[in-house]
């Protein structure tokens, strides 16, 4: 029997102390449970990431695309990041933060710079069935604002942001409030 790592989804041998792929602990026995009185906590721990997906934020580029091309597309579509795929495998992510840190004020000719030179390589990702709390935890620990959501075969489903999470939680909170009577 195999045990799936909650962090990277690698299939490990039952009884392993740690994930052989990413070294996360497999010794957790007590998974957090939501308090009955805390609806927000219940949603965070039980609602799947797939509830957040719209597919509207999904842009995919290649490592050979120029930074100029990516900047133009992000600007035109009013998006903040793009996933980088090579041979149908996620190899990176390029965000506005990457552009500011690695390009702004350093390069004049953006056509001559390839995405592979400035992208964040091997980004963390989640699956649609993962709980929202898992996505927020990864974002918090990693210090990033965007998280790719991948299908089991590695194809991209969407990109979620912390803004998406907060908007979803606010909507769920608003839906659960009783209407005020005048």
N, C-alpha and C. Protein backbone atom coordinates (compact mmCIF):
# COMPACT_ATOMS: atom_id res chain seq x y z
N UNK A 1 0.84 -1.17 0.00
CA UNK A 1 0.00 0.00 0.00
C UNK A 1 0.89 1.24 0.00
N UNK A 2 0.42 2.30 -0.62
CA UNK A 2 1.17 3.54 -0.74
C UNK A 2 0.52 4.65 0.08
N UNK A 3 1.33 5.59 0.52
CA UNK A 3 0.87 6.77 1.23
C UNK A 3 1.21 7.98 0.37
N UNK A 4 0.20 8.80 0.07
CA UNK A 4 0.41 9.98 -0.76
C UNK A 4 0.83 11.17 0.10
N UNK A 5 1.92 11.80 -0.28
CA UNK A 5 2.41 12.99 0.42
C UNK A 5 1.41 14.12 0.26
N UNK A 6 1.06 14.79 1.36
CA UNK A 6 0.13 15.91 1.32
C UNK A 6 0.75 17.15 0.69
N UNK A 7 2.07 17.18 0.62
CA UNK A 7 2.74 18.35 0.06
C UNK A 7 2.96 18.25 -1.45
N UNK A 8 3.56 17.14 -1.91
CA UNK A 8 3.90 17.04 -3.34
C UNK A 8 3.14 15.94 -4.07
N UNK A 9 2.36 15.16 -3.34
CA UNK A 9 1.52 14.09 -3.89
C UNK A 9 2.30 12.87 -4.38
N UNK A 10 3.55 12.76 -3.99
CA UNK A 10 4.37 11.61 -4.35
C UNK A 10 3.85 10.38 -3.61
N UNK A 11 3.80 9.25 -4.30
CA UNK A 11 3.36 8.00 -3.69
C UNK A 11 4.53 7.35 -2.96
N UNK A 12 4.44 7.26 -1.63
CA UNK A 12 5.50 6.70 -0.79
C UNK A 12 5.11 5.34 -0.26
N UNK A 13 6.08 4.58 0.15
CA UNK A 13 5.85 3.27 0.75
C UNK A 13 5.21 3.46 2.11
N UNK A 14 4.17 2.67 2.41
CA UNK A 14 3.50 2.75 3.70
C UNK A 14 4.51 2.54 4.82
N UNK A 15 4.40 3.37 5.85
CA UNK A 15 5.30 3.28 6.99
C UNK A 15 6.49 4.23 6.91
N UNK A 16 6.63 4.93 5.79
CA UNK A 16 7.73 5.88 5.64
C UNK A 16 7.55 7.05 6.61
N UNK A 17 8.67 7.53 7.15
CA UNK A 17 8.64 8.67 8.06
C UNK A 17 8.53 9.99 7.32
N UNK A 18 9.09 10.01 6.11
CA UNK A 18 9.13 11.23 5.34
C UNK A 18 8.90 10.91 3.87
N UNK A 19 8.52 11.95 3.12
CA UNK A 19 8.33 11.78 1.68
C UNK A 19 9.70 11.63 1.03
N UNK A 20 9.86 10.62 0.22
CA UNK A 20 11.13 10.40 -0.48
C UNK A 20 11.40 11.47 -1.52
N UNK A 21 10.37 12.16 -1.96
CA UNK A 21 10.51 13.18 -3.01
C UNK A 21 10.81 14.56 -2.44
N UNK A 22 10.04 15.02 -1.44
CA UNK A 22 10.18 16.40 -0.96
C UNK A 22 10.59 16.51 0.51
N UNK A 23 10.70 15.38 1.21
CA UNK A 23 11.15 15.30 2.60
C UNK A 23 10.15 15.82 3.64
N UNK A 24 8.91 16.08 3.24
CA UNK A 24 7.90 16.46 4.22
C UNK A 24 7.56 15.26 5.10
N UNK A 25 7.21 15.54 6.34
CA UNK A 25 6.89 14.48 7.29
C UNK A 25 5.63 13.73 6.88
N UNK A 26 5.67 12.42 7.03
CA UNK A 26 4.49 11.58 6.82
C UNK A 26 4.00 11.00 8.14
N UNK A 27 4.52 11.55 9.25
CA UNK A 27 4.21 11.02 10.58
C UNK A 27 3.04 11.71 11.25
N UNK A 28 2.39 12.65 10.57
CA UNK A 28 1.26 13.34 11.16
C UNK A 28 0.10 12.38 11.34
N UNK A 29 -0.43 12.36 12.54
CA UNK A 29 -1.56 11.47 12.81
C UNK A 29 -2.84 12.26 13.03
N UNK A 30 -2.70 13.40 13.64
CA UNK A 30 -3.88 14.20 13.96
C UNK A 30 -4.04 15.31 12.94
N UNK A 31 -4.99 15.15 12.05
CA UNK A 31 -5.29 16.18 11.08
C UNK A 31 -6.20 17.20 11.75
N UNK A 32 -6.01 18.49 11.45
CA UNK A 32 -6.86 19.50 12.09
C UNK A 32 -8.32 19.31 11.73
N UNK A 33 -9.18 19.56 12.68
CA UNK A 33 -10.62 19.48 12.49
C UNK A 33 -11.22 20.84 12.82
N UNK A 34 -12.23 21.21 12.09
CA UNK A 34 -12.89 22.49 12.32
C UNK A 34 -13.78 22.41 13.55
N UNK A 35 -13.77 23.50 14.33
CA UNK A 35 -14.71 23.59 15.45
C UNK A 35 -16.10 23.76 14.86
N UNK A 36 -17.08 23.14 15.48
CA UNK A 36 -18.45 23.20 14.96
C UNK A 36 -18.98 24.63 14.88
N UNK A 37 -18.56 25.46 15.79
CA UNK A 37 -19.09 26.83 15.82
C UNK A 37 -18.37 27.78 14.85
N UNK A 38 -17.27 27.36 14.27
CA UNK A 38 -16.48 28.24 13.41
C UNK A 38 -16.69 27.89 11.94
N UNK A 39 -17.62 28.59 11.28
CA UNK A 39 -17.96 28.30 9.88
C UNK A 39 -16.80 28.58 8.95
N UNK A 40 -16.07 29.66 9.20
CA UNK A 40 -14.93 30.01 8.35
C UNK A 40 -13.87 28.91 8.39
N UNK A 41 -13.57 28.46 9.58
CA UNK A 41 -12.59 27.39 9.75
C UNK A 41 -13.08 26.11 9.05
N UNK A 42 -14.37 25.83 9.17
CA UNK A 42 -14.94 24.65 8.53
C UNK A 42 -14.76 24.72 7.01
N UNK A 43 -15.04 25.89 6.42
CA UNK A 43 -14.88 26.06 4.97
C UNK A 43 -13.42 25.89 4.58
N UNK A 44 -12.52 26.50 5.33
CA UNK A 44 -11.08 26.41 5.01
C UNK A 44 -10.59 24.96 5.02
N UNK A 45 -11.07 24.18 5.97
CA UNK A 45 -10.58 22.81 6.11
C UNK A 45 -11.31 21.79 5.24
N UNK A 46 -12.51 22.13 4.78
CA UNK A 46 -13.28 21.14 4.04
C UNK A 46 -13.53 21.48 2.57
N UNK A 47 -13.63 22.76 2.24
CA UNK A 47 -13.91 23.13 0.84
C UNK A 47 -12.68 22.88 -0.01
N UNK A 48 -12.86 22.24 -1.17
CA UNK A 48 -11.70 21.96 -2.03
C UNK A 48 -11.30 23.21 -2.83
N UNK A 49 -10.05 23.24 -3.21
CA UNK A 49 -9.52 24.32 -4.05
C UNK A 49 -10.34 24.45 -5.34
N UNK A 50 -10.88 23.34 -5.82
CA UNK A 50 -11.67 23.38 -7.07
C UNK A 50 -12.85 24.34 -6.97
N UNK A 51 -13.32 24.65 -5.76
CA UNK A 51 -14.39 25.62 -5.59
C UNK A 51 -13.96 27.03 -6.00
N UNK A 52 -12.67 27.29 -6.03
CA UNK A 52 -12.13 28.60 -6.37
C UNK A 52 -11.89 28.77 -7.87
N UNK A 53 -11.85 27.67 -8.60
CA UNK A 53 -11.38 27.70 -9.99
C UNK A 53 -12.38 28.31 -10.96
N UNK A 54 -11.84 29.21 -11.76
CA UNK A 54 -12.63 29.80 -12.84
C UNK A 54 -11.97 29.54 -14.18
N UNK A 55 -10.66 29.30 -14.18
CA UNK A 55 -9.91 29.12 -15.41
C UNK A 55 -9.58 30.44 -16.08
N UNK A 56 -10.12 31.53 -15.56
CA UNK A 56 -9.90 32.84 -16.16
C UNK A 56 -8.48 33.34 -16.01
N UNK A 57 -7.77 32.89 -15.00
CA UNK A 57 -6.42 33.38 -14.76
C UNK A 57 -5.35 32.52 -15.41
N UNK A 58 -5.73 31.54 -16.17
CA UNK A 58 -4.77 30.58 -16.70
C UNK A 58 -4.13 31.07 -17.99
N UNK A 59 -2.87 31.46 -17.88
CA UNK A 59 -2.04 31.78 -19.03
C UNK A 59 -0.84 30.85 -18.98
N UNK A 60 -0.45 30.33 -20.15
CA UNK A 60 0.66 29.39 -20.22
C UNK A 60 1.65 29.85 -21.28
N UNK A 61 2.92 29.91 -20.91
CA UNK A 61 3.97 30.34 -21.84
C UNK A 61 5.03 29.23 -21.94
N UNK A 62 5.98 29.46 -22.83
CA UNK A 62 7.09 28.53 -23.04
C UNK A 62 8.37 29.21 -22.57
N UNK A 63 9.38 28.43 -22.23
CA UNK A 63 10.64 29.00 -21.73
C UNK A 63 11.35 29.85 -22.78
N UNK A 64 11.03 29.64 -24.04
CA UNK A 64 11.69 30.39 -25.10
C UNK A 64 10.97 31.69 -25.46
N UNK A 65 9.80 31.93 -24.88
CA UNK A 65 9.10 33.19 -25.14
C UNK A 65 9.91 34.36 -24.59
N UNK A 66 9.80 35.49 -25.25
CA UNK A 66 10.52 36.68 -24.78
C UNK A 66 9.76 37.33 -23.63
N UNK A 67 10.51 38.01 -22.79
CA UNK A 67 9.90 38.74 -21.68
C UNK A 67 8.97 39.82 -22.22
N UNK A 68 9.35 40.43 -23.35
CA UNK A 68 8.50 41.46 -23.95
C UNK A 68 7.13 40.90 -24.30
N UNK A 69 7.11 39.72 -24.88
CA UNK A 69 5.83 39.07 -25.24
C UNK A 69 4.98 38.84 -24.00
N UNK A 70 5.59 38.35 -22.94
CA UNK A 70 4.86 38.06 -21.70
C UNK A 70 4.33 39.36 -21.08
N UNK A 71 5.17 40.38 -21.03
CA UNK A 71 4.75 41.67 -20.47
C UNK A 71 3.54 42.20 -21.24
N UNK A 72 3.60 42.15 -22.56
CA UNK A 72 2.49 42.65 -23.38
C UNK A 72 1.20 41.88 -23.12
N UNK A 73 1.30 40.55 -22.99
CA UNK A 73 0.12 39.72 -22.76
C UNK A 73 -0.44 39.95 -21.35
N UNK A 74 0.43 40.04 -20.35
CA UNK A 74 -0.04 40.30 -18.99
C UNK A 74 -0.75 41.66 -18.92
N UNK A 75 -0.17 42.63 -19.57
CA UNK A 75 -0.75 43.98 -19.58
C UNK A 75 -2.10 43.97 -20.31
N UNK A 76 -2.15 43.36 -21.47
CA UNK A 76 -3.37 43.32 -22.27
C UNK A 76 -4.51 42.61 -21.54
N UNK A 77 -4.20 41.50 -20.88
CA UNK A 77 -5.21 40.69 -20.20
C UNK A 77 -5.41 41.06 -18.73
N UNK A 78 -4.65 42.04 -18.26
CA UNK A 78 -4.73 42.48 -16.87
C UNK A 78 -4.53 41.31 -15.90
N UNK A 79 -3.49 40.53 -16.17
CA UNK A 79 -3.13 39.38 -15.33
C UNK A 79 -1.82 39.66 -14.61
N UNK A 80 -1.53 38.87 -13.60
CA UNK A 80 -0.35 39.11 -12.79
C UNK A 80 0.70 38.00 -12.86
N UNK A 81 0.38 36.88 -13.50
CA UNK A 81 1.39 35.84 -13.63
C UNK A 81 1.01 34.87 -14.75
N UNK A 82 1.99 34.08 -15.15
CA UNK A 82 1.82 33.10 -16.21
C UNK A 82 2.60 31.83 -15.83
N UNK A 83 2.02 30.67 -16.14
CA UNK A 83 2.72 29.40 -15.91
C UNK A 83 3.64 29.13 -17.09
N UNK A 84 4.78 28.51 -16.80
CA UNK A 84 5.74 28.19 -17.85
C UNK A 84 5.81 26.66 -18.00
N UNK A 85 5.47 26.20 -19.20
CA UNK A 85 5.47 24.77 -19.51
C UNK A 85 6.49 24.47 -20.59
N UNK A 86 7.09 23.29 -20.48
CA UNK A 86 7.98 22.78 -21.51
C UNK A 86 7.68 21.30 -21.67
N UNK A 87 7.36 20.88 -22.87
CA UNK A 87 7.01 19.49 -23.15
C UNK A 87 5.93 18.98 -22.22
N UNK A 88 4.88 19.79 -22.06
CA UNK A 88 3.70 19.47 -21.25
C UNK A 88 4.00 19.25 -19.77
N UNK A 89 5.08 19.86 -19.28
CA UNK A 89 5.43 19.76 -17.86
C UNK A 89 5.64 21.17 -17.30
N UNK A 90 5.10 21.42 -16.12
CA UNK A 90 5.29 22.71 -15.45
C UNK A 90 6.75 22.84 -15.04
N UNK A 91 7.42 23.87 -15.52
CA UNK A 91 8.82 24.08 -15.18
C UNK A 91 9.05 25.41 -14.45
N UNK A 92 8.04 26.29 -14.48
CA UNK A 92 8.23 27.57 -13.81
C UNK A 92 6.97 28.41 -13.77
N UNK A 93 7.10 29.55 -13.14
CA UNK A 93 6.04 30.54 -13.08
C UNK A 93 6.72 31.90 -13.19
N UNK A 94 6.08 32.81 -13.88
CA UNK A 94 6.61 34.16 -14.04
C UNK A 94 5.53 35.13 -13.56
N UNK A 95 5.88 35.90 -12.53
CA UNK A 95 4.92 36.84 -11.95
C UNK A 95 5.42 38.27 -12.10
N UNK A 96 4.55 39.20 -11.77
CA UNK A 96 4.96 40.60 -11.77
C UNK A 96 6.15 40.81 -10.84
N UNK A 97 6.16 40.10 -9.73
CA UNK A 97 7.28 40.22 -8.79
C UNK A 97 8.59 39.82 -9.45
N UNK A 98 8.58 38.72 -10.23
CA UNK A 98 9.79 38.30 -10.96
C UNK A 98 10.24 39.39 -11.92
N UNK A 99 9.28 39.99 -12.61
CA UNK A 99 9.61 41.05 -13.57
C UNK A 99 10.23 42.24 -12.85
N UNK A 100 9.67 42.61 -11.71
CA UNK A 100 10.22 43.75 -10.96
C UNK A 100 11.61 43.45 -10.40
N UNK A 101 11.80 42.26 -9.87
CA UNK A 101 13.08 41.91 -9.25
C UNK A 101 14.20 41.64 -10.25
N UNK A 102 13.86 41.03 -11.39
CA UNK A 102 14.91 40.57 -12.31
C UNK A 102 15.03 41.36 -13.61
N UNK A 103 14.06 42.21 -13.91
CA UNK A 103 14.07 42.89 -15.20
C UNK A 103 14.04 44.41 -15.06
N UNK A 104 13.13 44.93 -14.26
CA UNK A 104 12.92 46.38 -14.16
C UNK A 104 14.22 47.10 -13.79
N UNK A 105 14.60 48.05 -14.64
CA UNK A 105 15.79 48.85 -14.40
C UNK A 105 17.10 48.15 -14.73
N UNK A 106 17.05 46.88 -15.15
CA UNK A 106 18.26 46.12 -15.44
C UNK A 106 18.44 45.85 -16.93
N UNK A 107 17.33 45.76 -17.66
CA UNK A 107 17.38 45.41 -19.08
C UNK A 107 16.56 46.41 -19.88
N UNK A 108 17.13 46.83 -21.01
CA UNK A 108 16.41 47.76 -21.88
C UNK A 108 15.68 47.00 -22.99
N UNK A 109 16.29 45.95 -23.51
CA UNK A 109 15.70 45.19 -24.62
C UNK A 109 15.03 43.93 -24.09
N UNK A 110 13.72 44.01 -23.85
CA UNK A 110 12.99 42.87 -23.31
C UNK A 110 12.78 41.77 -24.34
N UNK A 111 12.94 42.09 -25.62
CA UNK A 111 12.82 41.06 -26.66
C UNK A 111 13.97 40.07 -26.60
N UNK A 112 15.12 40.52 -26.11
CA UNK A 112 16.31 39.66 -26.05
C UNK A 112 16.39 38.78 -24.82
N UNK A 113 15.47 38.97 -23.88
CA UNK A 113 15.50 38.18 -22.64
C UNK A 113 14.46 37.07 -22.75
N UNK A 114 14.86 35.86 -22.49
CA UNK A 114 13.95 34.71 -22.53
C UNK A 114 13.38 34.47 -21.14
N UNK A 115 12.17 33.97 -21.11
CA UNK A 115 11.46 33.68 -19.87
C UNK A 115 12.28 32.77 -18.95
N UNK A 116 12.96 31.79 -19.52
CA UNK A 116 13.70 30.83 -18.70
C UNK A 116 14.78 31.48 -17.85
N UNK A 117 15.23 32.67 -18.24
CA UNK A 117 16.30 33.35 -17.50
C UNK A 117 15.80 34.08 -16.25
N UNK A 118 14.51 34.31 -16.15
CA UNK A 118 14.01 35.08 -14.99
C UNK A 118 12.86 34.42 -14.24
N UNK A 119 12.33 33.33 -14.76
CA UNK A 119 11.18 32.68 -14.11
C UNK A 119 11.58 32.05 -12.78
N UNK A 120 10.60 31.82 -11.94
CA UNK A 120 10.81 31.05 -10.72
C UNK A 120 10.66 29.59 -11.13
N UNK A 121 11.70 28.83 -10.94
CA UNK A 121 11.72 27.43 -11.39
C UNK A 121 11.02 26.50 -10.39
N UNK A 122 10.47 25.43 -10.93
CA UNK A 122 9.84 24.37 -10.13
C UNK A 122 8.93 24.91 -9.03
N UNK A 123 7.89 25.63 -9.42
CA UNK A 123 7.02 26.22 -8.40
C UNK A 123 6.19 25.18 -7.66
N UNK A 124 5.84 25.53 -6.44
CA UNK A 124 4.90 24.71 -5.68
C UNK A 124 3.58 24.70 -6.43
N UNK A 125 2.78 23.67 -6.23
CA UNK A 125 1.46 23.59 -6.85
C UNK A 125 0.55 22.79 -5.95
N UNK A 126 -0.73 22.82 -6.27
CA UNK A 126 -1.71 22.04 -5.53
C UNK A 126 -2.63 21.35 -6.52
N UNK A 127 -3.47 20.49 -6.00
CA UNK A 127 -4.46 19.78 -6.80
C UNK A 127 -5.85 20.35 -6.47
N UNK A 128 -6.78 20.16 -7.36
CA UNK A 128 -8.13 20.68 -7.16
C UNK A 128 -8.83 20.10 -5.95
N UNK A 129 -8.50 18.87 -5.58
CA UNK A 129 -9.17 18.23 -4.44
C UNK A 129 -8.58 18.63 -3.10
N UNK A 130 -7.44 19.32 -3.09
CA UNK A 130 -6.82 19.76 -1.84
C UNK A 130 -7.70 20.79 -1.15
N UNK A 131 -7.73 20.80 0.19
CA UNK A 131 -8.54 21.80 0.90
C UNK A 131 -7.93 23.19 0.75
N UNK A 132 -8.77 24.20 0.83
CA UNK A 132 -8.32 25.58 0.69
C UNK A 132 -7.25 25.91 1.73
N UNK A 133 -7.38 25.37 2.92
CA UNK A 133 -6.39 25.62 3.97
C UNK A 133 -5.00 25.17 3.54
N UNK A 134 -4.93 24.10 2.78
CA UNK A 134 -3.67 23.58 2.28
C UNK A 134 -3.02 24.60 1.33
N UNK A 135 -3.82 25.21 0.47
CA UNK A 135 -3.31 26.22 -0.47
C UNK A 135 -2.81 27.44 0.29
N UNK A 136 -3.59 27.91 1.27
CA UNK A 136 -3.20 29.08 2.05
C UNK A 136 -1.91 28.79 2.82
N UNK A 137 -1.78 27.59 3.36
CA UNK A 137 -0.58 27.21 4.08
C UNK A 137 0.64 27.25 3.16
N UNK A 138 0.51 26.69 1.96
CA UNK A 138 1.63 26.70 1.01
C UNK A 138 2.01 28.13 0.64
N UNK A 139 1.01 28.98 0.41
CA UNK A 139 1.29 30.37 0.06
C UNK A 139 2.00 31.08 1.21
N UNK A 140 1.53 30.84 2.42
CA UNK A 140 2.11 31.48 3.59
C UNK A 140 3.55 31.03 3.82
N UNK A 141 3.77 29.73 3.82
CA UNK A 141 5.12 29.21 4.07
C UNK A 141 6.09 29.59 2.96
N UNK A 142 5.61 29.60 1.72
CA UNK A 142 6.48 29.91 0.59
C UNK A 142 6.64 31.39 0.31
N UNK A 143 5.76 32.21 0.87
CA UNK A 143 5.83 33.64 0.66
C UNK A 143 5.45 34.06 -0.75
N UNK A 144 4.52 33.34 -1.35
CA UNK A 144 4.09 33.72 -2.69
C UNK A 144 2.60 33.98 -2.74
N UNK A 145 2.20 34.70 -3.80
CA UNK A 145 0.81 35.14 -3.94
C UNK A 145 0.00 34.30 -4.91
N UNK A 146 0.67 33.52 -5.73
CA UNK A 146 -0.01 32.72 -6.76
C UNK A 146 0.39 31.25 -6.61
N UNK A 147 -0.56 30.38 -6.92
CA UNK A 147 -0.32 28.95 -6.80
C UNK A 147 -0.99 28.23 -7.96
N UNK A 148 -0.20 27.52 -8.77
CA UNK A 148 -0.79 26.74 -9.86
C UNK A 148 -1.64 25.59 -9.31
N UNK A 149 -2.74 25.32 -9.98
CA UNK A 149 -3.59 24.18 -9.65
C UNK A 149 -3.49 23.22 -10.84
N UNK A 150 -3.01 22.01 -10.56
CA UNK A 150 -2.77 21.04 -11.63
C UNK A 150 -3.66 19.83 -11.48
N UNK A 151 -4.01 19.24 -12.62
CA UNK A 151 -4.71 17.95 -12.63
C UNK A 151 -3.69 16.86 -12.29
N UNK A 152 -4.16 15.66 -12.04
CA UNK A 152 -3.28 14.55 -11.67
C UNK A 152 -2.22 14.28 -12.73
N UNK A 153 -2.55 14.52 -14.00
CA UNK A 153 -1.58 14.27 -15.08
C UNK A 153 -0.65 15.46 -15.32
N UNK A 154 -0.74 16.52 -14.51
CA UNK A 154 0.14 17.67 -14.62
C UNK A 154 -0.36 18.79 -15.51
N UNK A 155 -1.52 18.59 -16.14
CA UNK A 155 -2.05 19.67 -16.97
C UNK A 155 -2.59 20.78 -16.06
N UNK A 156 -2.44 22.02 -16.49
CA UNK A 156 -2.89 23.13 -15.65
C UNK A 156 -4.40 23.29 -15.65
N UNK A 157 -4.95 23.51 -14.47
CA UNK A 157 -6.38 23.79 -14.34
C UNK A 157 -6.62 25.28 -14.14
N UNK A 158 -5.76 25.89 -13.35
CA UNK A 158 -5.93 27.31 -13.05
C UNK A 158 -4.73 27.80 -12.25
N UNK A 159 -4.76 29.07 -11.94
CA UNK A 159 -3.82 29.68 -11.01
C UNK A 159 -4.70 30.38 -9.98
N UNK A 160 -4.46 30.11 -8.70
CA UNK A 160 -5.23 30.82 -7.68
C UNK A 160 -4.31 31.81 -6.98
N UNK A 161 -4.90 32.86 -6.50
CA UNK A 161 -4.16 33.87 -5.75
C UNK A 161 -4.78 33.99 -4.37
N UNK A 162 -4.07 34.63 -3.49
CA UNK A 162 -4.61 34.85 -2.16
C UNK A 162 -5.86 35.73 -2.26
N UNK A 163 -5.90 36.59 -3.26
CA UNK A 163 -7.09 37.42 -3.50
C UNK A 163 -8.29 36.54 -3.82
N UNK A 164 -8.09 35.47 -4.62
CA UNK A 164 -9.18 34.53 -4.93
C UNK A 164 -9.70 33.87 -3.66
N UNK A 165 -8.78 33.46 -2.80
CA UNK A 165 -9.16 32.79 -1.55
C UNK A 165 -9.97 33.73 -0.68
N UNK A 166 -9.48 34.93 -0.50
CA UNK A 166 -10.19 35.88 0.36
C UNK A 166 -11.56 36.24 -0.21
N UNK A 167 -11.65 36.41 -1.51
CA UNK A 167 -12.93 36.70 -2.15
C UNK A 167 -13.93 35.57 -1.95
N UNK A 168 -13.45 34.33 -2.09
CA UNK A 168 -14.31 33.16 -1.90
C UNK A 168 -14.80 33.08 -0.46
N UNK A 169 -13.89 33.29 0.49
CA UNK A 169 -14.28 33.22 1.91
C UNK A 169 -15.27 34.32 2.26
N UNK A 170 -15.06 35.50 1.69
CA UNK A 170 -16.00 36.60 1.94
C UNK A 170 -17.38 36.27 1.38
N UNK A 171 -17.41 35.70 0.17
CA UNK A 171 -18.68 35.33 -0.45
C UNK A 171 -19.39 34.26 0.40
N UNK A 172 -18.65 33.26 0.86
CA UNK A 172 -19.25 32.22 1.69
C UNK A 172 -19.74 32.79 3.01
N UNK A 173 -18.99 33.73 3.56
CA UNK A 173 -19.38 34.36 4.82
C UNK A 173 -20.65 35.18 4.63
N UNK A 174 -20.70 35.95 3.53
CA UNK A 174 -21.88 36.76 3.24
C UNK A 174 -23.11 35.90 3.01
N UNK A 175 -22.93 34.77 2.33
CA UNK A 175 -24.05 33.87 2.03
C UNK A 175 -24.63 33.24 3.29
N UNK A 176 -23.79 33.09 4.32
CA UNK A 176 -24.25 32.45 5.53
C UNK A 176 -24.84 33.39 6.57
N UNK A 177 -24.75 34.69 6.32
CA UNK A 177 -25.28 35.66 7.29
C UNK A 177 -26.77 35.80 7.14
N UNK A 178 -27.48 35.87 8.25
CA UNK A 178 -28.93 36.14 8.15
C UNK A 178 -29.15 37.59 7.71
N UNK A 179 -30.21 37.80 6.94
CA UNK A 179 -30.50 39.15 6.46
C UNK A 179 -30.97 40.02 7.63
N UNK A 180 -30.55 41.28 7.57
CA UNK A 180 -30.98 42.24 8.61
C UNK A 180 -32.41 42.64 8.34
N UNK A 181 -33.19 42.70 9.44
CA UNK A 181 -34.58 43.15 9.34
C UNK A 181 -34.67 44.58 9.83
N UNK A 182 -35.35 45.41 9.06
CA UNK A 182 -35.50 46.82 9.45
C UNK A 182 -36.72 47.04 10.29
